[in-house]
Amino acid sequence: AEGLLKFRERFNPRDLRRYPLTWSPELIEY
């Protein structure tokens, strides 16, 4: 369980890879 706290490093909400390359005003409008 203690390892969970260290594993949080892999869950960065601001990592740009969390959104696809197609994320754009065009996709939002779709």
Full PDB file with SEQRES, HELIX, SHEET, SSBOND, CRYST1, ORIGX, SCALE, CONECT and MASTER records, all heavy atoms in Angstrom:
SEQRES   1 A   30  ALA GLU GLY LEU LEU LYS PHE ARG GLU ARG PHE ASN PRO          
SEQRES   2 A   30  ARG ASP LEU ARG ARG TYR PRO LEU THR TRP SER PRO GLU          
SEQRES   3 A   30  LEU ILE GLU TYR                                              
HELIX    1 AA1 GLU A    2  PHE A    7  1                                   6    
HELIX    2 AA2 ARG A    8  ARG A   10  5                                   3    
HELIX    3 AA3 LEU A   16  ARG A   18  5                                   3    
HELIX    4 AA4 PRO A   25  GLU A   29  1                                   5    
CRYST1    1.000    1.000    1.000  90.00  90.00  90.00 P 1           1          
ORIGX1      1.000000  0.000000  0.000000        0.00000                         
ORIGX2      0.000000  1.000000  0.000000        0.00000                         
ORIGX3      0.000000  0.000000  1.000000        0.00000                         
SCALE1      1.000000  0.000000  0.000000        0.00000                         
SCALE2      0.000000  1.000000  0.000000        0.00000                         
SCALE3      0.000000  0.000000  1.000000        0.00000                         
ATOM      1  N   ALA A   1       0.808  -1.207   0.000  1.00  0.00           N  
ATOM      2  CA  ALA A   1       0.000   0.000   0.000  1.00  0.00           C  
ATOM      3  C   ALA A   1       0.849   1.268   0.000  1.00  0.00           C  
ATOM      4  O   ALA A   1       0.509   2.260  -0.653  1.00  0.00           O  
ATOM      5  CB  ALA A   1      -0.944  -0.015   1.204  1.00  0.00           C  
ATOM      6  N   GLU A   2       1.966   1.260   0.708  1.00  0.00           N  
ATOM      7  CA  GLU A   2       2.831   2.437   0.729  1.00  0.00           C  
ATOM      8  C   GLU A   2       3.312   2.793  -0.674  1.00  0.00           C  
ATOM      9  O   GLU A   2       3.526   3.963  -1.001  1.00  0.00           O  
ATOM     10  CB  GLU A   2       4.023   2.197   1.657  1.00  0.00           C  
ATOM     11  CG  GLU A   2       3.685   2.259   3.134  1.00  0.00           C  
ATOM     12  CD  GLU A   2       3.368   3.669   3.612  1.00  0.00           C  
ATOM     13  OE1 GLU A   2       3.686   4.629   2.878  1.00  0.00           O  
ATOM     14  OE2 GLU A   2       2.791   3.808   4.703  1.00  0.00           O  
ATOM     15  N   GLY A   3       3.485   1.757  -1.515  1.00  0.00           N  
ATOM     16  CA  GLY A   3       3.929   2.000  -2.880  1.00  0.00           C  
ATOM     17  C   GLY A   3       2.933   2.796  -3.706  1.00  0.00           C  
ATOM     18  O   GLY A   3       3.302   3.380  -4.738  1.00  0.00           O  
ATOM     19  N   LEU A   4       1.670   2.821  -3.278  1.00  0.00           N  
ATOM     20  CA  LEU A   4       0.679   3.608  -4.004  1.00  0.00           C  
ATOM     21  C   LEU A   4       1.062   5.087  -4.043  1.00  0.00           C  
ATOM     22  O   LEU A   4       0.844   5.773  -5.041  1.00  0.00           O  
ATOM     23  CB  LEU A   4      -0.695   3.465  -3.342  1.00  0.00           C  
ATOM     24  CG  LEU A   4      -1.434   2.143  -3.514  1.00  0.00           C  
ATOM     25  CD1 LEU A   4      -2.689   2.139  -2.652  1.00  0.00           C  
ATOM     26  CD2 LEU A   4      -1.797   1.901  -4.977  1.00  0.00           C  
ATOM     27  N   LEU A   5       1.594   5.572  -2.937  1.00  0.00           N  
ATOM     28  CA  LEU A   5       1.896   6.993  -2.870  1.00  0.00           C  
ATOM     29  C   LEU A   5       3.007   7.365  -3.847  1.00  0.00           C  
ATOM     30  O   LEU A   5       2.962   8.421  -4.487  1.00  0.00           O  
ATOM     31  CB  LEU A   5       2.274   7.364  -1.433  1.00  0.00           C  
ATOM     32  CG  LEU A   5       1.197   7.041  -0.386  1.00  0.00           C  
ATOM     33  CD1 LEU A   5       1.634   7.524   0.994  1.00  0.00           C  
ATOM     34  CD2 LEU A   5      -0.147   7.642  -0.771  1.00  0.00           C  
ATOM     35  N   LYS A   6       4.009   6.515  -3.982  1.00  0.00           N  
ATOM     36  CA  LYS A   6       5.064   6.776  -4.964  1.00  0.00           C  
ATOM     37  C   LYS A   6       4.546   6.637  -6.387  1.00  0.00           C  
ATOM     38  O   LYS A   6       4.943   7.377  -7.294  1.00  0.00           O  
ATOM     39  CB  LYS A   6       6.244   5.829  -4.731  1.00  0.00           C  
ATOM     40  CG  LYS A   6       7.389   6.044  -5.713  1.00  0.00           C  
ATOM     41  CD  LYS A   6       8.597   5.223  -5.353  1.00  0.00           C  
ATOM     42  CE  LYS A   6       9.709   5.393  -6.376  1.00  0.00           C  
ATOM     43  NZ  LYS A   6      10.095   6.802  -6.561  1.00  0.00           N  
ATOM     44  N   PHE A   7       3.612   5.695  -6.593  1.00  0.00           N  
ATOM     45  CA  PHE A   7       3.105   5.443  -7.942  1.00  0.00           C  
ATOM     46  C   PHE A   7       2.311   6.631  -8.484  1.00  0.00           C  
ATOM     47  O   PHE A   7       2.072   6.729  -9.686  1.00  0.00           O  
ATOM     48  CB  PHE A   7       2.231   4.182  -7.941  1.00  0.00           C  
ATOM     49  CG  PHE A   7       2.137   3.517  -9.283  1.00  0.00           C  
ATOM     50  CD1 PHE A   7       3.119   2.637  -9.704  1.00  0.00           C  
ATOM     51  CD2 PHE A   7       1.065   3.773 -10.126  1.00  0.00           C  
ATOM     52  CE1 PHE A   7       3.037   2.014 -10.943  1.00  0.00           C  
ATOM     53  CE2 PHE A   7       0.971   3.151 -11.366  1.00  0.00           C  
ATOM     54  CZ  PHE A   7       1.960   2.280 -11.766  1.00  0.00           C  
ATOM     55  N   ARG A   8       1.929   7.535  -7.620  1.00  0.00           N  
ATOM     56  CA  ARG A   8       1.191   8.712  -8.073  1.00  0.00           C  
ATOM     57  C   ARG A   8       1.984   9.522  -9.098  1.00  0.00           C  
ATOM     58  O   ARG A   8       1.411  10.308  -9.861  1.00  0.00           O  
ATOM     59  CB  ARG A   8       0.821   9.592  -6.880  1.00  0.00           C  
ATOM     60  CG  ARG A   8      -0.235   8.987  -5.973  1.00  0.00           C  
ATOM     61  CD  ARG A   8      -0.574   9.884  -4.794  1.00  0.00           C  
ATOM     62  NE  ARG A   8       0.569  10.101  -3.918  1.00  0.00           N  
ATOM     63  CZ  ARG A   8       0.507  10.766  -2.768  1.00  0.00           C  
ATOM     64  NH1 ARG A   8      -0.656  11.282  -2.371  1.00  0.00           N  
ATOM     65  NH2 ARG A   8       1.589  10.921  -2.012  1.00  0.00           N  
ATOM     66  N   GLU A   9       3.324   9.321  -9.133  1.00  0.00           N  
ATOM     67  CA  GLU A   9       4.156  10.033 -10.097  1.00  0.00           C  
ATOM     68  C   GLU A   9       3.736   9.741 -11.531  1.00  0.00           C  
ATOM     69  O   GLU A   9       3.956  10.557 -12.440  1.00  0.00           O  
ATOM     70  CB  GLU A   9       5.625   9.645  -9.907  1.00  0.00           C  
ATOM     71  CG  GLU A   9       6.185  10.025  -8.547  1.00  0.00           C  
ATOM     72  CD  GLU A   9       7.575   9.434  -8.319  1.00  0.00           C  
ATOM     73  OE1 GLU A   9       8.047   8.692  -9.203  1.00  0.00           O  
ATOM     74  OE2 GLU A   9       8.176   9.732  -7.264  1.00  0.00           O  
ATOM     75  N   ARG A  10       3.146   8.573 -11.758  1.00  0.00           N  
ATOM     76  CA  ARG A  10       2.720   8.197 -13.116  1.00  0.00           C  
ATOM     77  C   ARG A  10       1.331   8.749 -13.450  1.00  0.00           C  
ATOM     78  O   ARG A  10       0.825   8.498 -14.548  1.00  0.00           O  
ATOM     79  CB  ARG A  10       2.720   6.679 -13.279  1.00  0.00           C  
ATOM     80  CG  ARG A  10       4.113   6.056 -13.261  1.00  0.00           C  
ATOM     81  CD  ARG A  10       4.044   4.552 -13.464  1.00  0.00           C  
ATOM     82  NE  ARG A  10       5.346   3.929 -13.352  1.00  0.00           N  
ATOM     83  CZ  ARG A  10       6.062   3.448 -14.373  1.00  0.00           C  
ATOM     84  NH1 ARG A  10       5.593   3.548 -15.603  1.00  0.00           N  
ATOM     85  NH2 ARG A  10       7.227   2.880 -14.163  1.00  0.00           N  
ATOM     86  N   PHE A  11       0.723   9.468 -12.548  1.00  0.00           N  
ATOM     87  CA  PHE A  11      -0.601  10.035 -12.788  1.00  0.00           C  
ATOM     88  C   PHE A  11      -0.533  11.561 -12.690  1.00  0.00           C  
ATOM     89  O   PHE A  11      -1.101  12.177 -11.793  1.00  0.00           O  
ATOM     90  CB  PHE A  11      -1.610   9.475 -11.783  1.00  0.00           C  
ATOM     91  CG  PHE A  11      -1.886   8.018 -11.945  1.00  0.00           C  
ATOM     92  CD1 PHE A  11      -1.489   7.115 -10.966  1.00  0.00           C  
ATOM     93  CD2 PHE A  11      -2.522   7.533 -13.072  1.00  0.00           C  
ATOM     94  CE1 PHE A  11      -1.749   5.761 -11.099  1.00  0.00           C  
ATOM     95  CE2 PHE A  11      -2.782   6.174 -13.226  1.00  0.00           C  
ATOM     96  CZ  PHE A  11      -2.399   5.287 -12.235  1.00  0.00           C  
ATOM     97  N   ASN A  12       0.169  12.147 -13.626  1.00  0.00           N  
ATOM     98  CA  ASN A  12       0.253  13.603 -13.719  1.00  0.00           C  
ATOM     99  C   ASN A  12      -0.917  14.087 -14.578  1.00  0.00           C  
ATOM    100  O   ASN A  12      -0.963  13.820 -15.781  1.00  0.00           O  
ATOM    101  CB  ASN A  12       1.574  14.020 -14.350  1.00  0.00           C  
ATOM    102  CG  ASN A  12       1.670  15.528 -14.546  1.00  0.00           C  
ATOM    103  OD1 ASN A  12       0.785  16.293 -14.150  1.00  0.00           O  
ATOM    104  ND2 ASN A  12       2.739  15.970 -15.184  1.00  0.00           N  
ATOM    105  N   PRO A  13      -1.893  14.799 -13.998  1.00  0.00           N  
ATOM    106  CA  PRO A  13      -3.053  15.201 -14.789  1.00  0.00           C  
ATOM    107  C   PRO A  13      -2.732  16.208 -15.882  1.00  0.00           C  
ATOM    108  O   PRO A  13      -3.513  16.370 -16.822  1.00  0.00           O  
ATOM    109  CB  PRO A  13      -3.998  15.803 -13.735  1.00  0.00           C  
ATOM    110  CG  PRO A  13      -3.105  16.249 -12.627  1.00  0.00           C  
ATOM    111  CD  PRO A  13      -1.990  15.249 -12.596  1.00  0.00           C  
ATOM    112  N   ARG A  14      -1.595  16.864 -15.769  1.00  0.00           N  
ATOM    113  CA  ARG A  14      -1.236  17.886 -16.759  1.00  0.00           C  
ATOM    114  C   ARG A  14      -0.331  17.345 -17.874  1.00  0.00           C  
ATOM    115  O   ARG A  14       0.098  18.104 -18.748  1.00  0.00           O  
ATOM    116  CB  ARG A  14      -0.530  19.053 -16.067  1.00  0.00           C  
ATOM    117  CG  ARG A  14      -1.378  19.724 -14.986  1.00  0.00           C  
ATOM    118  CD  ARG A  14      -2.708  20.184 -15.524  1.00  0.00           C  
ATOM    119  NE  ARG A  14      -3.578  20.725 -14.484  1.00  0.00           N  
ATOM    120  CZ  ARG A  14      -4.875  20.920 -14.638  1.00  0.00           C  
ATOM    121  NH1 ARG A  14      -5.452  20.599 -15.790  1.00  0.00           N  
ATOM    122  NH2 ARG A  14      -5.592  21.407 -13.650  1.00  0.00           N  
ATOM    123  N   ASP A  15      -0.041  16.060 -17.853  1.00  0.00           N  
ATOM    124  CA  ASP A  15       0.768  15.472 -18.922  1.00  0.00           C  
ATOM    125  C   ASP A  15       0.030  15.629 -20.252  1.00  0.00           C  
ATOM    126  O   ASP A  15      -1.117  15.195 -20.392  1.00  0.00           O  
ATOM    127  CB  ASP A  15       1.009  13.985 -18.626  1.00  0.00           C  
ATOM    128  CG  ASP A  15       2.098  13.392 -19.500  1.00  0.00           C  
ATOM    129  OD1 ASP A  15       2.021  13.555 -20.737  1.00  0.00           O  
ATOM    130  OD2 ASP A  15       3.014  12.756 -18.955  1.00  0.00           O  
ATOM    131  N   LEU A  16       0.688  16.254 -21.227  1.00  0.00           N  
ATOM    132  CA  LEU A  16       0.041  16.529 -22.507  1.00  0.00           C  
ATOM    133  C   LEU A  16      -0.376  15.260 -23.240  1.00  0.00           C  
ATOM    134  O   LEU A  16      -1.260  15.291 -24.107  1.00  0.00           O  
ATOM    135  CB  LEU A  16       0.970  17.367 -23.392  1.00  0.00           C  
ATOM    136  CG  LEU A  16       1.299  18.769 -22.864  1.00  0.00           C  
ATOM    137  CD1 LEU A  16       2.263  19.462 -23.809  1.00  0.00           C  
ATOM    138  CD2 LEU A  16       0.037  19.593 -22.663  1.00  0.00           C  
ATOM    139  N   ARG A  17       0.231  14.128 -22.899  1.00  0.00           N  
ATOM    140  CA  ARG A  17      -0.098  12.878 -23.578  1.00  0.00           C  
ATOM    141  C   ARG A  17      -1.471  12.334 -23.176  1.00  0.00           C  
ATOM    142  O   ARG A  17      -1.946  11.364 -23.775  1.00  0.00           O  
ATOM    143  CB  ARG A  17       0.985  11.831 -23.289  1.00  0.00           C  
ATOM    144  CG  ARG A  17       2.327  12.153 -23.938  1.00  0.00           C  
ATOM    145  CD  ARG A  17       3.425  11.237 -23.436  1.00  0.00           C  
ATOM    146  NE  ARG A  17       3.802  11.557 -22.055  1.00  0.00           N  
ATOM    147  CZ  ARG A  17       4.784  10.934 -21.398  1.00  0.00           C  
ATOM    148  NH1 ARG A  17       5.463   9.955 -21.997  1.00  0.00           N  
ATOM    149  NH2 ARG A  17       5.088  11.282 -20.162  1.00  0.00           N  
ATOM    150  N   ARG A  18      -2.099  12.930 -22.210  1.00  0.00           N  
ATOM    151  CA  ARG A  18      -3.426  12.459 -21.799  1.00  0.00           C  
ATOM    152  C   ARG A  18      -4.505  12.827 -22.818  1.00  0.00           C  
ATOM    153  O   ARG A  18      -5.582  12.243 -22.818  1.00  0.00           O  
ATOM    154  CB  ARG A  18      -3.779  12.997 -20.410  1.00  0.00           C  
ATOM    155  CG  ARG A  18      -2.779  12.535 -19.372  1.00  0.00           C  
ATOM    156  CD  ARG A  18      -3.322  12.405 -17.984  1.00  0.00           C  
ATOM    157  NE  ARG A  18      -2.318  11.757 -17.132  1.00  0.00           N  
ATOM    158  CZ  ARG A  18      -2.157  10.461 -17.013  1.00  0.00           C  
ATOM    159  NH1 ARG A  18      -2.950   9.634 -17.694  1.00  0.00           N  
ATOM    160  NH2 ARG A  18      -1.210   9.952 -16.231  1.00  0.00           N  
ATOM    161  N   TYR A  19      -4.233  13.773 -23.672  1.00  0.00           N  
ATOM    162  CA  TYR A  19      -5.166  14.148 -24.729  1.00  0.00           C  
ATOM    163  C   TYR A  19      -4.581  13.747 -26.083  1.00  0.00           C  
ATOM    164  O   TYR A  19      -3.367  13.780 -26.272  1.00  0.00           O  
ATOM    165  CB  TYR A  19      -5.437  15.646 -24.687  1.00  0.00           C  
ATOM    166  CG  TYR A  19      -6.406  16.047 -23.588  1.00  0.00           C  
ATOM    167  CD1 TYR A  19      -6.031  15.978 -22.241  1.00  0.00           C  
ATOM    168  CD2 TYR A  19      -7.696  16.459 -23.894  1.00  0.00           C  
ATOM    169  CE1 TYR A  19      -6.914  16.329 -21.233  1.00  0.00           C  
ATOM    170  CE2 TYR A  19      -8.592  16.817 -22.885  1.00  0.00           C  
ATOM    171  CZ  TYR A  19      -8.195  16.748 -21.560  1.00  0.00           C  
ATOM    172  OH  TYR A  19      -9.080  17.080 -20.560  1.00  0.00           O  
ATOM    173  N   PRO A  20      -5.433  13.377 -27.036  1.00  0.00           N  
ATOM    174  CA  PRO A  20      -4.916  12.908 -28.327  1.00  0.00           C  
ATOM    175  C   PRO A  20      -4.343  14.052 -29.159  1.00  0.00           C  
ATOM    176  O   PRO A  20      -4.634  15.233 -28.918  1.00  0.00           O  
ATOM    177  CB  PRO A  20      -6.161  12.321 -29.000  1.00  0.00           C  
ATOM    178  CG  PRO A  20      -7.293  13.117 -28.432  1.00  0.00           C  
ATOM    179  CD  PRO A  20      -6.903  13.371 -26.994  1.00  0.00           C  
ATOM    180  N   LEU A  21      -3.558  13.703 -30.165  1.00  0.00           N  
ATOM    181  CA  LEU A  21      -2.997  14.704 -31.062  1.00  0.00           C  
ATOM    182  C   LEU A  21      -4.079  15.439 -31.828  1.00  0.00           C  
ATOM    183  O   LEU A  21      -3.866  16.556 -32.313  1.00  0.00           O  
ATOM    184  CB  LEU A  21      -2.025  14.037 -32.042  1.00  0.00           C  
ATOM    185  CG  LEU A  21      -0.753  13.431 -31.435  1.00  0.00           C  
ATOM    186  CD1 LEU A  21       0.052  12.718 -32.511  1.00  0.00           C  
ATOM    187  CD2 LEU A  21       0.084  14.493 -30.746  1.00  0.00           C  
ATOM    188  N   THR A  22      -5.247  14.820 -31.940  1.00  0.00           N  
ATOM    189  CA  THR A  22      -6.347  15.446 -32.674  1.00  0.00           C  
ATOM    190  C   THR A  22      -7.156  16.416 -31.821  1.00  0.00           C  
ATOM    191  O   THR A  22      -8.115  17.019 -32.319  1.00  0.00           O  
ATOM    192  CB  THR A  22      -7.302  14.369 -33.216  1.00  0.00           C  
ATOM    193  OG1 THR A  22      -7.686  13.499 -32.135  1.00  0.00           O  
ATOM    194  CG2 THR A  22      -6.627  13.544 -34.301  1.00  0.00           C  
ATOM    195  N   TRP A  23      -6.800  16.566 -30.522  1.00  0.00           N  
ATOM    196  CA  TRP A  23      -7.582  17.461 -29.675  1.00  0.00           C  
ATOM    197  C   TRP A  23      -7.409  18.895 -30.169  1.00  0.00           C  
ATOM    198  O   TRP A  23      -6.303  19.420 -30.225  1.00  0.00           O  
ATOM    199  CB  TRP A  23      -7.143  17.354 -28.220  1.00  0.00           C  
ATOM    200  CG  TRP A  23      -8.106  18.037 -27.309  1.00  0.00           C  
ATOM    201  CD1 TRP A  23      -7.969  19.260 -26.719  1.00  0.00           C  
ATOM    202  CD2 TRP A  23      -9.392  17.546 -26.918  1.00  0.00           C  
ATOM    203  NE1 TRP A  23      -9.087  19.564 -25.978  1.00  0.00           N  
ATOM    204  CE2 TRP A  23      -9.974  18.534 -26.074  1.00  0.00           C  
ATOM    205  CE3 TRP A  23     -10.101  16.383 -27.183  1.00  0.00           C  
ATOM    206  CZ2 TRP A  23     -11.239  18.378 -25.511  1.00  0.00           C  
ATOM    207  CZ3 TRP A  23     -11.363  16.227 -26.618  1.00  0.00           C  
ATOM    208  CH2 TRP A  23     -11.917  17.214 -25.792  1.00  0.00           C  
ATOM    209  N   SER A  24      -8.494  19.523 -30.538  1.00  0.00           N  
ATOM    210  CA  SER A  24      -8.448  20.811 -31.224  1.00  0.00           C  
ATOM    211  C   SER A  24      -9.848  21.411 -31.240  1.00  0.00           C  
ATOM    212  O   SER A  24     -10.834  20.727 -30.937  1.00  0.00           O  
ATOM    213  CB  SER A  24      -7.979  20.607 -32.671  1.00  0.00           C  
ATOM    214  OG  SER A  24      -8.934  19.790 -33.370  1.00  0.00           O  
ATOM    215  N   PRO A  25      -9.985  22.683 -31.600  1.00  0.00           N  
ATOM    216  CA  PRO A  25     -11.322  23.255 -31.762  1.00  0.00           C  
ATOM    217  C   PRO A  25     -12.185  22.461 -32.743  1.00  0.00           C  
ATOM    218  O   PRO A  25     -13.405  22.365 -32.554  1.00  0.00           O  
ATOM    219  CB  PRO A  25     -11.036  24.671 -32.284  1.00  0.00           C  
ATOM    220  CG  PRO A  25      -9.688  25.007 -31.715  1.00  0.00           C  
ATOM    221  CD  PRO A  25      -8.927  23.713 -31.747  1.00  0.00           C  
ATOM    222  N   GLU A  26     -11.557  21.885 -33.756  1.00  0.00           N  
ATOM    223  CA  GLU A  26     -12.315  21.087 -34.724  1.00  0.00           C  
ATOM    224  C   GLU A  26     -12.926  19.848 -34.065  1.00  0.00           C  
ATOM    225  O   GLU A  26     -14.107  19.524 -34.286  1.00  0.00           O  
ATOM    226  CB  GLU A  26     -11.401  20.661 -35.870  1.00  0.00           C  
ATOM    227  CG  GLU A  26     -12.098  19.837 -36.944  1.00  0.00           C  
ATOM    228  CD  GLU A  26     -11.146  19.396 -38.040  1.00  0.00           C  
ATOM    229  OE1 GLU A  26      -9.933  19.704 -37.947  1.00  0.00           O  
ATOM    230  OE2 GLU A  26     -11.609  18.739 -38.991  1.00  0.00           O  
ATOM    231  N   LEU A  27     -12.123  19.140 -33.251  1.00  0.00           N  
ATOM    232  CA  LEU A  27     -12.643  17.950 -32.581  1.00  0.00           C  
ATOM    233  C   LEU A  27     -13.678  18.327 -31.525  1.00  0.00           C  
ATOM    234  O   LEU A  27     -14.714  17.660 -31.376  1.00  0.00           O  
ATOM    235  CB  LEU A  27     -11.498  17.173 -31.927  1.00  0.00           C  
ATOM    236  CG  LEU A  27     -11.892  15.838 -31.274  1.00  0.00           C  
ATOM    237  CD1 LEU A  27     -12.498  14.885 -32.296  1.00  0.00           C  
ATOM    238  CD2 LEU A  27     -10.674  15.191 -30.610  1.00  0.00           C  
ATOM    239  N   ILE A  28     -13.443  19.403 -30.798  1.00  0.00           N  
ATOM    240  CA  ILE A  28     -14.413  19.871 -29.805  1.00  0.00           C  
ATOM    241  C   ILE A  28     -15.750  20.170 -30.470  1.00  0.00           C  
ATOM    242  O   ILE A  28     -16.816  19.793 -29.976  1.00  0.00           O  
ATOM    243  CB  ILE A  28     -13.860  21.100 -29.070  1.00  0.00           C  
ATOM    244  CG1 ILE A  28     -12.692  20.692 -28.168  1.00  0.00           C  
ATOM    245  CG2 ILE A  28     -14.952  21.797 -28.262  1.00  0.00           C  
ATOM    246  CD1 ILE A  28     -11.898  21.864 -27.630  1.00  0.00           C  
ATOM    247  N   GLU A  29     -15.703  20.825 -31.626  1.00  0.00           N  
ATOM    248  CA  GLU A  29     -16.941  21.140 -32.331  1.00  0.00           C  
ATOM    249  C   GLU A  29     -17.648  19.861 -32.788  1.00  0.00           C  
ATOM    250  O   GLU A  29     -18.891  19.792 -32.743  1.00  0.00           O  
ATOM    251  CB  GLU A  29     -16.635  22.032 -33.547  1.00  0.00           C  
ATOM    252  CG  GLU A  29     -17.863  22.448 -34.341  1.00  0.00           C  
ATOM    253  CD  GLU A  29     -18.839  23.311 -33.541  1.00  0.00           C  
ATOM    254  OE1 GLU A  29     -18.453  23.840 -32.482  1.00  0.00           O  
ATOM    255  OE2 GLU A  29     -19.995  23.448 -33.996  1.00  0.00           O  
ATOM    256  N   TYR A  30     -16.876  18.853 -33.184  1.00  0.00           N  
ATOM    257  CA  TYR A  30     -17.497  17.581 -33.559  1.00  0.00           C  
ATOM    258  C   TYR A  30     -18.299  17.008 -32.391  1.00  0.00           C  
ATOM    259  O   TYR A  30     -19.459  16.598 -32.571  1.00  0.00           O  
ATOM    260  CB  TYR A  30     -16.431  16.574 -33.999  1.00  0.00           C  
ATOM    261  CG  TYR A  30     -16.999  15.176 -34.120  1.00  0.00           C  
ATOM    262  CD1 TYR A  30     -17.693  14.793 -35.252  1.00  0.00           C  
ATOM    263  CD2 TYR A  30     -16.865  14.254 -33.075  1.00  0.00           C  
ATOM    264  CE1 TYR A  30     -18.258  13.519 -35.354  1.00  0.00           C  
ATOM    265  CE2 TYR A  30     -17.424  12.991 -33.162  1.00  0.00           C  
ATOM    266  CZ  TYR A  30     -18.114  12.622 -34.307  1.00  0.00           C  
ATOM    267  OH  TYR A  30     -18.671  11.380 -34.400  1.00  0.00           O  
TER     268      TYR A  30                                                      
MASTER        0    0    0    4    0    0    0    6  267    1    0    3          
END                                                                             
